[in-house]
Amino acid sequence: AARPPASPPTSPSKARGGGHSGVELRPYVPDFTKAFEWICVHTGGRAVIDAIESNLALPPHYLEPSRLSLWKYGNVSSASIWYELDLVAEHGNTCGEHRPDGTPPPGGAARRLRRGDRVWQIAFGSGFKCNSAVWQALRHH
């Protein structure tokens, strides 16, 4: 008799690996800082930025352009990614120094947007929508 297909695990952390019973696998999270020099996340609120930072395992200073945009302009919905790109061009990775409780870059190593840098913009819409775009800087700022 044919066996019914096994049901998928309810969450990645409950997946069993390689026939080893009882072994829990952690979800794989790539190092996005190797793929992108800058990440601009929809400023849907502090909790949204915190969740993206946590789930993508990003260093605290990486989303400072998003946090500065939220602090300066509030939640302007998906349009925030363009405000953030302007903040990256203006302040580089020192956005954390331009708001209270901001996180400066490690070791205070200031860096500006450079030709060839990749920027990942991530925005969310109503319902279950997520859009992203990757841009490459054509000149130094």
C-alpha atoms as a PDB file:
ATOM      1  CA  ALA A   1       0.000   0.000   0.000  1.00  0.00           C
ATOM      2  CA  ALA A   2       1.254   3.503  -0.847  1.00  0.00           C
ATOM      3  CA  ARG A   3       2.145   5.651   2.103  1.00  0.00           C
ATOM      4  CA  PRO A   4       0.761   9.198   2.221  1.00  0.00           C
ATOM      5  CA  PRO A   5       3.414  11.901   1.765  1.00  0.00           C
ATOM      6  CA  ALA A   6       4.935  13.170   4.965  1.00  0.00           C
ATOM      7  CA  SER A   7       3.590  16.525   6.036  1.00  0.00           C
ATOM      8  CA  PRO A   8       6.115  19.375   6.056  1.00  0.00           C
ATOM      9  CA  PRO A   9       7.362  20.622   9.412  1.00  0.00           C
ATOM     10  CA  THR A  10       5.400  23.482  10.927  1.00  0.00           C
ATOM     11  CA  SER A  11       8.502  25.670  11.174  1.00  0.00           C
ATOM     12  CA  PRO A  12      12.077  25.507   9.889  1.00  0.00           C
ATOM     13  CA  SER A  13      13.399  25.020  13.424  1.00  0.00           C
ATOM     14  CA  LYS A  14      11.428  21.769  13.756  1.00  0.00           C
ATOM     15  CA  ALA A  15      12.861  20.224  10.586  1.00  0.00           C
ATOM     16  CA  ARG A  16      14.725  16.981  11.125  1.00  0.00           C
ATOM     17  CA  GLY A  17      18.032  16.570   9.388  1.00  0.00           C
ATOM     18  CA  GLY A  18      19.561  13.655   7.505  1.00  0.00           C
ATOM     19  CA  GLY A  19      17.590  10.898   9.207  1.00  0.00           C
ATOM     20  CA  HIS A  20      18.983  11.837  12.619  1.00  0.00           C
ATOM     21  CA  SER A  21      15.983  11.813  14.872  1.00  0.00           C
ATOM     22  CA  GLY A  22      15.803  14.617  17.378  1.00  0.00           C
ATOM     23  CA  VAL A  23      18.247  16.914  15.575  1.00  0.00           C
ATOM     24  CA  GLU A  24      16.835  20.390  15.133  1.00  0.00           C
ATOM     25  CA  LEU A  25      18.152  22.438  12.244  1.00  0.00           C
ATOM     26  CA  ARG A  26      18.511  26.182  12.414  1.00  0.00           C
ATOM     27  CA  PRO A  27      17.316  28.077   9.366  1.00  0.00           C
ATOM     28  CA  TYR A  28      20.121  29.179   7.069  1.00  0.00           C
ATOM     29  CA  VAL A  29      20.521  32.963   6.954  1.00  0.00           C
ATOM     30  CA  PRO A  30      23.095  34.202   4.446  1.00  0.00           C
ATOM     31  CA  ASP A  31      25.403  37.078   5.300  1.00  0.00           C
ATOM     32  CA  PHE A  32      23.576  39.842   3.437  1.00  0.00           C
ATOM     33  CA  THR A  33      26.360  42.307   4.238  1.00  0.00           C
ATOM     34  CA  LYS A  34      28.528  40.442   1.706  1.00  0.00           C
ATOM     35  CA  ALA A  35      25.954  40.964  -1.035  1.00  0.00           C
ATOM     36  CA  PHE A  36      24.906  44.557  -0.273  1.00  0.00           C
ATOM     37  CA  GLU A  37      26.777  47.552   1.086  1.00  0.00           C
ATOM     38  CA  TRP A  38      23.492  49.298   1.961  1.00  0.00           C
ATOM     39  CA  ILE A  39      20.002  48.089   2.872  1.00  0.00           C
ATOM     40  CA  CYS A  40      16.949  50.370   2.900  1.00  0.00           C
ATOM     41  CA  VAL A  41      13.920  48.842   4.650  1.00  0.00           C
ATOM     42  CA  HIS A  42      10.334  50.103   4.612  1.00  0.00           C
ATOM     43  CA  THR A  43       9.849  52.145   7.783  1.00  0.00           C
ATOM     44  CA  GLY A  44       6.545  50.580   8.764  1.00  0.00           C
ATOM     45  CA  GLY A  45       7.535  51.196  12.368  1.00  0.00           C
ATOM     46  CA  ARG A  46      10.298  50.388  14.787  1.00  0.00           C
ATOM     47  CA  ALA A  47       9.056  46.807  15.200  1.00  0.00           C
ATOM     48  CA  VAL A  48       9.289  46.212  11.430  1.00  0.00           C
ATOM     49  CA  ILE A  49      12.884  47.470  11.299  1.00  0.00           C
ATOM     50  CA  ASP A  50      13.815  45.460  14.409  1.00  0.00           C
ATOM     51  CA  ALA A  51      12.271  42.284  12.924  1.00  0.00           C
ATOM     52  CA  ILE A  52      14.124  42.670   9.615  1.00  0.00           C
ATOM     53  CA  GLU A  53      17.388  43.316  11.453  1.00  0.00           C
ATOM     54  CA  SER A  54      16.891  40.261  13.652  1.00  0.00           C
ATOM     55  CA  ASN A  55      15.653  37.839  10.978  1.00  0.00           C
ATOM     56  CA  LEU A  56      18.306  38.823   8.438  1.00  0.00           C
ATOM     57  CA  ALA A  57      21.000  38.794  11.178  1.00  0.00           C
ATOM     58  CA  LEU A  58      22.203  42.294  10.267  1.00  0.00           C
ATOM     59  CA  PRO A  59      24.667  44.327  12.351  1.00  0.00           C
ATOM     60  CA  PRO A  60      22.860  47.103  14.315  1.00  0.00           C
ATOM     61  CA  HIS A  61      24.340  49.997  12.303  1.00  0.00           C
ATOM     62  CA  TYR A  62      23.213  48.527   8.965  1.00  0.00           C
ATOM     63  CA  LEU A  63      19.609  49.721   9.237  1.00  0.00           C
ATOM     64  CA  GLU A  64      20.409  53.155  10.666  1.00  0.00           C
ATOM     65  CA  PRO A  65      19.291  54.869   7.407  1.00  0.00           C
ATOM     66  CA  SER A  66      15.858  53.244   7.961  1.00  0.00           C
ATOM     67  CA  ARG A  67      15.780  54.254  11.622  1.00  0.00           C
ATOM     68  CA  LEU A  68      16.866  57.825  10.822  1.00  0.00           C
ATOM     69  CA  SER A  69      14.182  58.077   8.141  1.00  0.00           C
ATOM     70  CA  LEU A  70      11.538  56.893  10.627  1.00  0.00           C
ATOM     71  CA  TRP A  71      12.807  59.365  13.240  1.00  0.00           C
ATOM     72  CA  LYS A  72      12.920  62.339  10.819  1.00  0.00           C
ATOM     73  CA  TYR A  73       9.852  61.716   8.638  1.00  0.00           C
ATOM     74  CA  GLY A  74       7.717  59.131  10.426  1.00  0.00           C
ATOM     75  CA  ASN A  75       6.083  56.190   8.670  1.00  0.00           C
ATOM     76  CA  VAL A  76       5.704  57.377   5.088  1.00  0.00           C
ATOM     77  CA  SER A  77       4.897  53.862   3.917  1.00  0.00           C
ATOM     78  CA  SER A  78       6.799  52.276   1.038  1.00  0.00           C
ATOM     79  CA  ALA A  79       8.051  55.688  -0.105  1.00  0.00           C
ATOM     80  CA  SER A  80      10.452  55.603   2.855  1.00  0.00           C
ATOM     81  CA  ILE A  81      12.979  53.588   0.855  1.00  0.00           C
ATOM     82  CA  TRP A  82      13.628  56.662  -1.320  1.00  0.00           C
ATOM     83  CA  TYR A  83      14.087  58.908   1.723  1.00  0.00           C
ATOM     84  CA  GLU A  84      16.539  56.343   3.064  1.00  0.00           C
ATOM     85  CA  LEU A  85      18.492  56.225  -0.180  1.00  0.00           C
ATOM     86  CA  ASP A  86      18.868  60.005   0.044  1.00  0.00           C
ATOM     87  CA  LEU A  87      20.080  59.668   3.658  1.00  0.00           C
ATOM     88  CA  VAL A  88      22.633  57.058   2.551  1.00  0.00           C
ATOM     89  CA  ALA A  89      23.880  59.453  -0.153  1.00  0.00           C
ATOM     90  CA  GLU A  90      24.025  62.326   2.356  1.00  0.00           C
ATOM     91  CA  HIS A  91      25.405  60.618   5.490  1.00  0.00           C
ATOM     92  CA  GLY A  92      26.734  57.228   4.402  1.00  0.00           C
ATOM     93  CA  ASN A  93      27.005  54.824   7.317  1.00  0.00           C
ATOM     94  CA  THR A  94      26.991  57.618   9.910  1.00  0.00           C
ATOM     95  CA  CYS A  95      23.175  57.901   9.940  1.00  0.00           C
ATOM     96  CA  GLY A  96      23.198  56.616  13.529  1.00  0.00           C
ATOM     97  CA  GLU A  97      25.063  59.743  14.606  1.00  0.00           C
ATOM     98  CA  HIS A  98      22.177  61.928  13.419  1.00  0.00           C
ATOM     99  CA  ARG A  99      19.490  60.650  15.794  1.00  0.00           C
ATOM    100  CA  PRO A 100      19.267  60.051  19.546  1.00  0.00           C
ATOM    101  CA  ASP A 101      20.244  56.494  20.534  1.00  0.00           C
ATOM    102  CA  GLY A 102      21.604  55.818  17.041  1.00  0.00           C
ATOM    103  CA  THR A 103      24.231  53.171  16.410  1.00  0.00           C
ATOM    104  CA  PRO A 104      27.430  54.441  14.795  1.00  0.00           C
ATOM    105  CA  PRO A 105      29.472  52.182  12.512  1.00  0.00           C
ATOM    106  CA  PRO A 106      31.875  49.809  14.284  1.00  0.00           C
ATOM    107  CA  GLY A 107      35.054  51.545  15.300  1.00  0.00           C
ATOM    108  CA  GLY A 108      33.635  54.831  14.017  1.00  0.00           C
ATOM    109  CA  ALA A 109      34.807  53.972  10.489  1.00  0.00           C
ATOM    110  CA  ALA A 110      32.781  56.418   8.396  1.00  0.00           C
ATOM    111  CA  ARG A 111      31.965  55.305   4.870  1.00  0.00           C
ATOM    112  CA  ARG A 112      30.094  57.062   2.087  1.00  0.00           C
ATOM    113  CA  LEU A 113      28.151  55.651  -0.852  1.00  0.00           C
ATOM    114  CA  ARG A 114      30.715  54.736  -3.513  1.00  0.00           C
ATOM    115  CA  ARG A 115      30.595  53.908  -7.185  1.00  0.00           C
ATOM    116  CA  GLY A 116      29.815  50.196  -7.544  1.00  0.00           C
ATOM    117  CA  ASP A 117      28.081  49.879  -4.157  1.00  0.00           C
ATOM    118  CA  ARG A 118      24.906  47.775  -4.156  1.00  0.00           C
ATOM    119  CA  VAL A 119      21.768  49.026  -2.409  1.00  0.00           C
ATOM    120  CA  TRP A 120      18.946  46.627  -1.547  1.00  0.00           C
ATOM    121  CA  GLN A 121      15.580  48.309  -1.114  1.00  0.00           C
ATOM    122  CA  ILE A 122      12.847  46.280   0.603  1.00  0.00           C
ATOM    123  CA  ALA A 123       9.260  47.533   0.847  1.00  0.00           C
ATOM    124  CA  PHE A 124       6.016  46.002   2.057  1.00  0.00           C
ATOM    125  CA  GLY A 125       2.463  46.555   0.873  1.00  0.00           C
ATOM    126  CA  SER A 126      -0.986  45.804   2.184  1.00  0.00           C
ATOM    127  CA  GLY A 127      -1.715  42.157   2.752  1.00  0.00           C
ATOM    128  CA  PHE A 128       1.071  39.714   1.982  1.00  0.00           C
ATOM    129  CA  LYS A 129       3.253  41.768  -0.333  1.00  0.00           C
ATOM    130  CA  CYS A 130       6.989  42.319  -0.312  1.00  0.00           C
ATOM    131  CA  ASN A 131       8.918  43.982  -3.108  1.00  0.00           C
ATOM    132  CA  SER A 132      12.606  44.593  -3.419  1.00  0.00           C
ATOM    133  CA  ALA A 133      15.027  46.141  -5.852  1.00  0.00           C
ATOM    134  CA  VAL A 134      18.801  46.178  -6.088  1.00  0.00           C
ATOM    135  CA  TRP A 135      20.572  49.274  -7.377  1.00  0.00           C
ATOM    136  CA  GLN A 136      24.199  49.882  -8.123  1.00  0.00           C
ATOM    137  CA  ALA A 137      25.721  53.330  -7.488  1.00  0.00           C
ATOM    138  CA  LEU A 138      27.130  54.896 -10.651  1.00  0.00           C
ATOM    139  CA  ARG A 139      29.202  57.551  -8.857  1.00  0.00           C
ATOM    140  CA  HIS A 140      30.739  58.427  -5.509  1.00  0.00           C
ATOM    141  CA  HIS A 141      28.674  60.565  -3.107  1.00  0.00           C
END
